Amino acid sequence: MVKLIRFLGLVSQSIFLQFIHLVGLLAFGVAAACGWFRVKSWSVPILGVAFGVAADKFFDVTDVTGLLDKAEKANERGGFLVVVYVIICFVGYLVGAYARHQYGQRFAAPAPAPKAPEKKVEEKKVEET
């Protein structure tokens, strides 16, 4: 249990660092757009792996490494960074899908009210005598 809590703390610190570097925010935004436009959900892990590998290989993230030393050391491992970006993309996809759902409910045309059944008025026949 303690290891799980420590792992979640490390992942949250790493997500915070990735958002500071704006690469995590970019991944979140792209995943939210995928959720909004109803892209297939199997694209989320692919997107996370692509951003994780790109962040590991191409982006220099040493400008704020003094903030969180343990998270910075964990980010040096490529596999951990891929896990972090998969989590970021998964949450972003859910946020985009939820936002589309709420937008559709808010601006959908209301259903017309059902009509009340009409009562037949019986005409009284007047007998002529």
C-alpha atoms as a PDB file:
ATOM      1  CA  MET A   1       0.000   0.000   0.000  1.00  0.00           C
ATOM      2  CA  VAL A   2       2.829   2.369   0.841  1.00  0.00           C
ATOM      3  CA  LYS A   3       4.532   1.606  -2.483  1.00  0.00           C
ATOM      4  CA  LEU A   4       1.326   2.371  -4.355  1.00  0.00           C
ATOM      5  CA  ILE A   5       0.966   5.713  -2.596  1.00  0.00           C
ATOM      6  CA  ARG A   6       4.592   6.575  -3.299  1.00  0.00           C
ATOM      7  CA  PHE A   7       4.162   5.616  -6.968  1.00  0.00           C
ATOM      8  CA  LEU A   8       1.044   7.781  -7.301  1.00  0.00           C
ATOM      9  CA  GLY A   9       2.890  10.686  -5.680  1.00  0.00           C
ATOM     10  CA  LEU A  10       5.797  10.247  -8.076  1.00  0.00           C
ATOM     11  CA  VAL A  11       3.470  10.101 -11.083  1.00  0.00           C
ATOM     12  CA  SER A  12       1.604  13.232  -9.970  1.00  0.00           C
ATOM     13  CA  GLN A  13       4.895  15.103  -9.491  1.00  0.00           C
ATOM     14  CA  SER A  14       6.031  14.014 -12.925  1.00  0.00           C
ATOM     15  CA  ILE A  15       2.745  15.115 -14.502  1.00  0.00           C
ATOM     16  CA  PHE A  16       3.213  18.484 -12.798  1.00  0.00           C
ATOM     17  CA  LEU A  17       6.715  18.780 -14.282  1.00  0.00           C
ATOM     18  CA  GLN A  18       5.463  17.883 -17.750  1.00  0.00           C
ATOM     19  CA  PHE A  19       2.759  20.539 -17.545  1.00  0.00           C
ATOM     20  CA  ILE A  20       5.379  23.112 -16.511  1.00  0.00           C
ATOM     21  CA  HIS A  21       7.388  22.220 -19.625  1.00  0.00           C
ATOM     22  CA  LEU A  22       4.204  22.678 -21.713  1.00  0.00           C
ATOM     23  CA  VAL A  23       4.769  19.352 -23.498  1.00  0.00           C
ATOM     24  CA  GLY A  24       2.328  17.671 -21.127  1.00  0.00           C
ATOM     25  CA  LEU A  25      -0.174  20.468 -21.671  1.00  0.00           C
ATOM     26  CA  LEU A  26       0.151  19.990 -25.428  1.00  0.00           C
ATOM     27  CA  ALA A  27      -0.460  16.240 -25.045  1.00  0.00           C
ATOM     28  CA  PHE A  28      -3.461  16.945 -22.828  1.00  0.00           C
ATOM     29  CA  GLY A  29      -4.908  19.375 -25.375  1.00  0.00           C
ATOM     30  CA  VAL A  30      -4.436  16.989 -28.303  1.00  0.00           C
ATOM     31  CA  ALA A  31      -6.046  14.150 -26.343  1.00  0.00           C
ATOM     32  CA  ALA A  32      -8.947  16.393 -25.323  1.00  0.00           C
ATOM     33  CA  ALA A  33      -9.463  17.312 -28.983  1.00  0.00           C
ATOM     34  CA  CYS A  34      -9.485  13.601 -29.837  1.00  0.00           C
ATOM     35  CA  GLY A  35     -12.160  13.043 -27.208  1.00  0.00           C
ATOM     36  CA  TRP A  36     -14.187  15.999 -28.465  1.00  0.00           C
ATOM     37  CA  PHE A  37     -14.101  14.836 -32.076  1.00  0.00           C
ATOM     38  CA  ARG A  38     -14.856  11.207 -31.141  1.00  0.00           C
ATOM     39  CA  VAL A  39     -11.613   9.693 -32.354  1.00  0.00           C
ATOM     40  CA  LYS A  40     -11.408   5.974 -31.540  1.00  0.00           C
ATOM     41  CA  SER A  41     -10.369   5.300 -27.964  1.00  0.00           C
ATOM     42  CA  TRP A  42      -7.589   2.912 -28.980  1.00  0.00           C
ATOM     43  CA  SER A  43      -5.688   5.950 -30.281  1.00  0.00           C
ATOM     44  CA  VAL A  44      -5.107   7.203 -26.721  1.00  0.00           C
ATOM     45  CA  PRO A  45      -2.276   4.767 -25.821  1.00  0.00           C
ATOM     46  CA  ILE A  46      -0.678   5.359 -29.237  1.00  0.00           C
ATOM     47  CA  LEU A  47      -0.796   9.100 -28.639  1.00  0.00           C
ATOM     48  CA  GLY A  48       0.651   8.647 -25.141  1.00  0.00           C
ATOM     49  CA  VAL A  49       3.539   6.496 -26.363  1.00  0.00           C
ATOM     50  CA  ALA A  50       4.296   8.937 -29.195  1.00  0.00           C
ATOM     51  CA  PHE A  51       4.375  11.929 -26.837  1.00  0.00           C
ATOM     52  CA  GLY A  52       6.364   9.980 -24.232  1.00  0.00           C
ATOM     53  CA  VAL A  53       9.058   8.945 -26.702  1.00  0.00           C
ATOM     54  CA  ALA A  54       9.163  12.434 -28.242  1.00  0.00           C
ATOM     55  CA  ALA A  55       9.486  14.075 -24.825  1.00  0.00           C
ATOM     56  CA  ASP A  56      12.213  11.641 -23.839  1.00  0.00           C
ATOM     57  CA  LYS A  57      14.272  11.992 -27.021  1.00  0.00           C
ATOM     58  CA  PHE A  58      13.677  15.487 -28.371  1.00  0.00           C
ATOM     59  CA  PHE A  59      12.700  17.881 -25.586  1.00  0.00           C
ATOM     60  CA  ASP A  60      15.214  19.234 -23.109  1.00  0.00           C
ATOM     61  CA  VAL A  61      13.449  19.451 -19.770  1.00  0.00           C
ATOM     62  CA  THR A  62      16.353  20.445 -17.546  1.00  0.00           C
ATOM     63  CA  ASP A  63      15.240  24.032 -16.902  1.00  0.00           C
ATOM     64  CA  VAL A  64      13.079  23.253 -13.836  1.00  0.00           C
ATOM     65  CA  THR A  65      14.661  20.041 -12.597  1.00  0.00           C
ATOM     66  CA  GLY A  66      15.589  21.567  -9.259  1.00  0.00           C
ATOM     67  CA  LEU A  67      11.935  21.609  -8.186  1.00  0.00           C
ATOM     68  CA  LEU A  68      11.362  17.902  -7.725  1.00  0.00           C
ATOM     69  CA  ASP A  69      14.500  15.763  -7.667  1.00  0.00           C
ATOM     70  CA  LYS A  70      12.835  12.349  -7.398  1.00  0.00           C
ATOM     71  CA  ALA A  71      10.445  13.035 -10.250  1.00  0.00           C
ATOM     72  CA  GLU A  72      13.311  14.353 -12.367  1.00  0.00           C
ATOM     73  CA  LYS A  73      15.318  11.178 -11.804  1.00  0.00           C
ATOM     74  CA  ALA A  74      12.293   9.060 -12.681  1.00  0.00           C
ATOM     75  CA  ASN A  75      11.720  11.096 -15.850  1.00  0.00           C
ATOM     76  CA  GLU A  76      15.185  10.124 -17.051  1.00  0.00           C
ATOM     77  CA  ARG A  77      13.840   6.607 -17.580  1.00  0.00           C
ATOM     78  CA  GLY A  78      11.958   6.430 -20.847  1.00  0.00           C
ATOM     79  CA  GLY A  79       9.475   3.790 -19.721  1.00  0.00           C
ATOM     80  CA  PHE A  80       8.262   5.871 -16.797  1.00  0.00           C
ATOM     81  CA  LEU A  81       7.804   8.887 -19.031  1.00  0.00           C
ATOM     82  CA  VAL A  82       5.686   6.836 -21.431  1.00  0.00           C
ATOM     83  CA  VAL A  83       3.455   5.766 -18.516  1.00  0.00           C
ATOM     84  CA  VAL A  84       3.094   9.409 -17.468  1.00  0.00           C
ATOM     85  CA  TYR A  85       2.082  10.503 -20.968  1.00  0.00           C
ATOM     86  CA  VAL A  86      -0.393   7.646 -21.355  1.00  0.00           C
ATOM     87  CA  ILE A  87      -2.063   8.815 -18.127  1.00  0.00           C
ATOM     88  CA  ILE A  88      -2.075  12.438 -19.328  1.00  0.00           C
ATOM     89  CA  CYS A  89      -3.605  11.437 -22.678  1.00  0.00           C
ATOM     90  CA  PHE A  90      -6.193   9.172 -21.064  1.00  0.00           C
ATOM     91  CA  VAL A  91      -7.393  11.929 -18.742  1.00  0.00           C
ATOM     92  CA  GLY A  92      -7.382  14.450 -21.588  1.00  0.00           C
ATOM     93  CA  TYR A  93      -9.476  12.121 -23.766  1.00  0.00           C
ATOM     94  CA  LEU A  94     -12.017  11.689 -20.979  1.00  0.00           C
ATOM     95  CA  VAL A  95     -12.206  15.448 -20.422  1.00  0.00           C
ATOM     96  CA  GLY A  96     -12.813  16.050 -24.141  1.00  0.00           C
ATOM     97  CA  ALA A  97     -15.502  13.369 -24.371  1.00  0.00           C
ATOM     98  CA  TYR A  98     -17.224  14.640 -21.232  1.00  0.00           C
ATOM     99  CA  ALA A  99     -17.125  18.231 -22.497  1.00  0.00           C
ATOM    100  CA  ARG A 100     -18.735  17.170 -25.782  1.00  0.00           C
ATOM    101  CA  HIS A 101     -21.423  15.283 -23.878  1.00  0.00           C
ATOM    102  CA  GLN A 102     -22.196  18.282 -21.669  1.00  0.00           C
ATOM    103  CA  TYR A 103     -22.165  20.659 -24.643  1.00  0.00           C
ATOM    104  CA  GLY A 104     -24.642  18.423 -26.468  1.00  0.00           C
ATOM    105  CA  GLN A 105     -26.984  18.280 -23.491  1.00  0.00           C
ATOM    106  CA  ARG A 106     -26.881  22.008 -22.873  1.00  0.00           C
ATOM    107  CA  PHE A 107     -27.642  23.131 -26.418  1.00  0.00           C
ATOM    108  CA  ALA A 108     -29.870  20.306 -27.609  1.00  0.00           C
ATOM    109  CA  ALA A 109     -33.377  21.231 -28.623  1.00  0.00           C
ATOM    110  CA  PRO A 110     -35.865  20.272 -25.946  1.00  0.00           C
ATOM    111  CA  ALA A 111     -38.272  17.506 -26.805  1.00  0.00           C
ATOM    112  CA  PRO A 112     -41.769  18.716 -27.595  1.00  0.00           C
ATOM    113  CA  ALA A 113     -44.312  18.268 -24.844  1.00  0.00           C
ATOM    114  CA  PRO A 114     -46.794  15.477 -25.433  1.00  0.00           C
ATOM    115  CA  LYS A 115     -50.216  16.620 -26.516  1.00  0.00           C
ATOM    116  CA  ALA A 116     -53.098  16.161 -24.139  1.00  0.00           C
ATOM    117  CA  PRO A 117     -55.739  13.771 -25.404  1.00  0.00           C
ATOM    118  CA  GLU A 118     -58.750  15.550 -26.801  1.00  0.00           C
ATOM    119  CA  LYS A 119     -62.092  14.869 -25.187  1.00  0.00           C
ATOM    120  CA  LYS A 120     -64.927  14.125 -27.490  1.00  0.00           C
ATOM    121  CA  VAL A 121     -67.817  16.390 -26.976  1.00  0.00           C
ATOM    122  CA  GLU A 122     -71.070  14.564 -27.343  1.00  0.00           C
ATOM    123  CA  GLU A 123     -73.619  16.568 -29.103  1.00  0.00           C
ATOM    124  CA  LYS A 124     -77.055  16.367 -27.734  1.00  0.00           C
ATOM    125  CA  LYS A 125     -79.554  15.645 -30.330  1.00  0.00           C
ATOM    126  CA  VAL A 126     -82.602  17.666 -29.956  1.00  0.00           C
ATOM    127  CA  GLU A 127     -85.689  15.837 -31.045  1.00  0.00           C
ATOM    128  CA  GLU A 128     -88.080  17.843 -32.927  1.00  0.00           C
ATOM    129  CA  THR A 129     -91.623  17.083 -32.007  1.00  0.00           C
END
